[in-house]
Amino acid sequence: MVDRIRAKVPNEWEMVVTTELDELGDWHDLLLYRFLLMDLDELAAYDPLDVIRQIRMQFQINIAVFCFGGDEDTRDEMRLSRADRCFDRERLLEILPSVFNQYNWA
């Protein structure tokens, strides 16, 4: 999925892939990101609920968080924890161009 998403990223954008939120920096570093994509099928690599809770409750950052994959229960939990939107994998790929356009600050 990383390669499929990377193929949609405009040339002037940078994509950072991580399973550790701390690798992105401190809370003020996270403010520089336009949005976050979370794969809900990668539960062995990280806990998406911990990530969204850290972003929303600990850091109190309102960065857009778009989730994809996962089962309906996981998606519901992410929504309750204030993830912005949840999509299936193919739908995310369809809407990514409009997301990049919407979050283009240039």
Protein backbone atom coordinates (compact mmCIF):
# COMPACT_ATOMS: atom_id res chain seq x y z
CA MET A 1 0.00 0.00 0.00
CA VAL A 2 2.92 2.35 0.69
CA ASP A 3 3.99 2.10 -2.95
CA ARG A 4 0.44 2.68 -4.19
CA ILE A 5 0.09 5.78 -2.02
CA ARG A 6 3.56 7.02 -2.97
CA ALA A 7 2.52 6.83 -6.65
CA LYS A 8 -0.27 9.35 -5.87
CA VAL A 9 1.96 11.84 -4.02
CA PRO A 10 2.60 15.01 -6.05
CA ASN A 11 6.25 15.73 -6.86
CA GLU A 12 6.38 18.82 -4.63
CA TRP A 13 5.21 16.82 -1.58
CA GLU A 14 7.25 14.63 0.74
CA MET A 15 5.87 11.40 2.16
CA VAL A 16 7.20 10.09 5.47
CA VAL A 17 6.51 6.47 6.43
CA THR A 18 6.79 5.36 10.04
CA THR A 19 5.22 3.08 12.60
CA GLU A 20 6.45 5.23 15.51
CA LEU A 21 4.85 8.62 16.06
CA ASP A 22 7.93 9.72 18.03
CA GLU A 23 10.05 9.35 14.87
CA LEU A 24 8.18 12.34 13.41
CA GLY A 25 9.47 14.60 16.18
CA ASP A 26 7.95 16.55 19.04
CA TRP A 27 4.44 17.99 19.01
CA HIS A 28 5.61 21.18 17.27
CA ASP A 29 7.13 19.05 14.50
CA LEU A 30 3.80 17.29 13.99
CA LEU A 31 2.18 20.65 13.36
CA LEU A 32 4.16 20.87 10.12
CA TYR A 33 2.46 17.80 8.68
CA ARG A 34 -0.63 18.51 6.60
CA PHE A 35 -2.35 15.22 7.36
CA LEU A 36 -1.69 11.70 8.61
CA LEU A 37 -2.70 8.42 6.97
CA MET A 38 -3.04 5.39 9.23
CA ASP A 39 -3.24 1.82 8.00
CA LEU A 40 -5.63 0.00 10.32
CA ASP A 41 -4.48 -3.38 9.02
CA GLU A 42 -0.98 -2.98 10.50
CA LEU A 43 -1.96 -3.83 14.08
CA ALA A 44 1.20 -5.90 14.58
CA ALA A 45 3.38 -2.87 13.76
CA TYR A 46 1.61 -0.25 15.91
CA ASP A 47 -1.61 0.44 17.79
CA PRO A 48 -3.61 3.04 15.82
CA LEU A 49 -5.76 3.81 18.88
CA ASP A 50 -2.65 4.72 20.86
CA VAL A 51 -1.48 6.96 18.02
CA ILE A 52 -4.77 8.85 17.65
CA ARG A 53 -5.10 9.23 21.42
CA GLN A 54 -1.57 10.58 21.65
CA ILE A 55 -2.23 13.07 18.84
CA ARG A 56 -5.63 14.21 20.10
CA MET A 57 -5.34 13.93 23.89
CA GLN A 58 -1.68 14.17 24.81
CA PHE A 59 -0.50 16.58 22.11
CA GLN A 60 -3.94 18.16 21.52
CA ILE A 61 -3.18 18.52 17.81
CA ASN A 62 -5.96 18.82 15.28
CA ILE A 63 -4.01 17.46 12.30
CA ALA A 64 -6.28 15.66 9.84
CA VAL A 65 -6.13 11.88 10.38
CA PHE A 66 -7.39 9.64 7.60
CA CYS A 67 -7.55 5.91 8.30
CA PHE A 68 -7.81 3.10 5.82
CA GLY A 69 -8.35 -0.64 6.03
CA GLY A 70 -9.29 -2.35 9.25
CA ASP A 71 -12.54 -3.92 10.29
CA GLU A 72 -15.69 -2.01 11.19
CA ASP A 73 -15.05 -2.26 14.94
CA THR A 74 -11.58 -0.76 14.59
CA ARG A 75 -12.92 2.01 12.36
CA ASP A 76 -15.65 2.79 14.89
CA GLU A 77 -13.07 3.00 17.69
CA MET A 78 -10.94 5.33 15.58
CA ARG A 79 -13.93 7.56 14.90
CA LEU A 80 -14.76 7.67 18.62
CA SER A 81 -11.15 8.67 19.27
CA ARG A 82 -11.58 11.54 16.78
CA ALA A 83 -10.03 10.22 13.59
CA ASP A 84 -11.37 12.41 10.80
CA ARG A 85 -12.35 9.81 8.21
CA CYS A 86 -12.05 6.06 7.62
CA PHE A 87 -11.95 4.50 4.15
CA ASP A 88 -11.38 1.14 2.59
CA ARG A 89 -8.05 0.86 0.80
CA GLU A 90 -9.33 1.41 -2.73
CA ARG A 91 -11.48 4.39 -1.76
CA LEU A 92 -8.51 6.08 -0.09
CA LEU A 93 -6.52 5.76 -3.31
CA GLU A 94 -9.43 7.28 -5.25
CA ILE A 95 -9.75 10.34 -3.02
CA LEU A 96 -6.03 11.03 -2.44
CA PRO A 97 -5.67 13.44 -5.38
CA SER A 98 -8.44 15.61 -3.97
CA VAL A 99 -6.90 15.40 -0.48
CA PHE A 100 -3.56 16.60 -1.81
CA ASN A 101 -5.33 19.41 -3.62
CA GLN A 102 -7.31 20.41 -0.54
CA TYR A 103 -4.25 20.47 1.73
CA ASN A 104 -1.94 22.23 -0.74
CA TRP A 105 -0.70 25.35 1.04
CA ALA A 106 1.17 26.75 -1.93
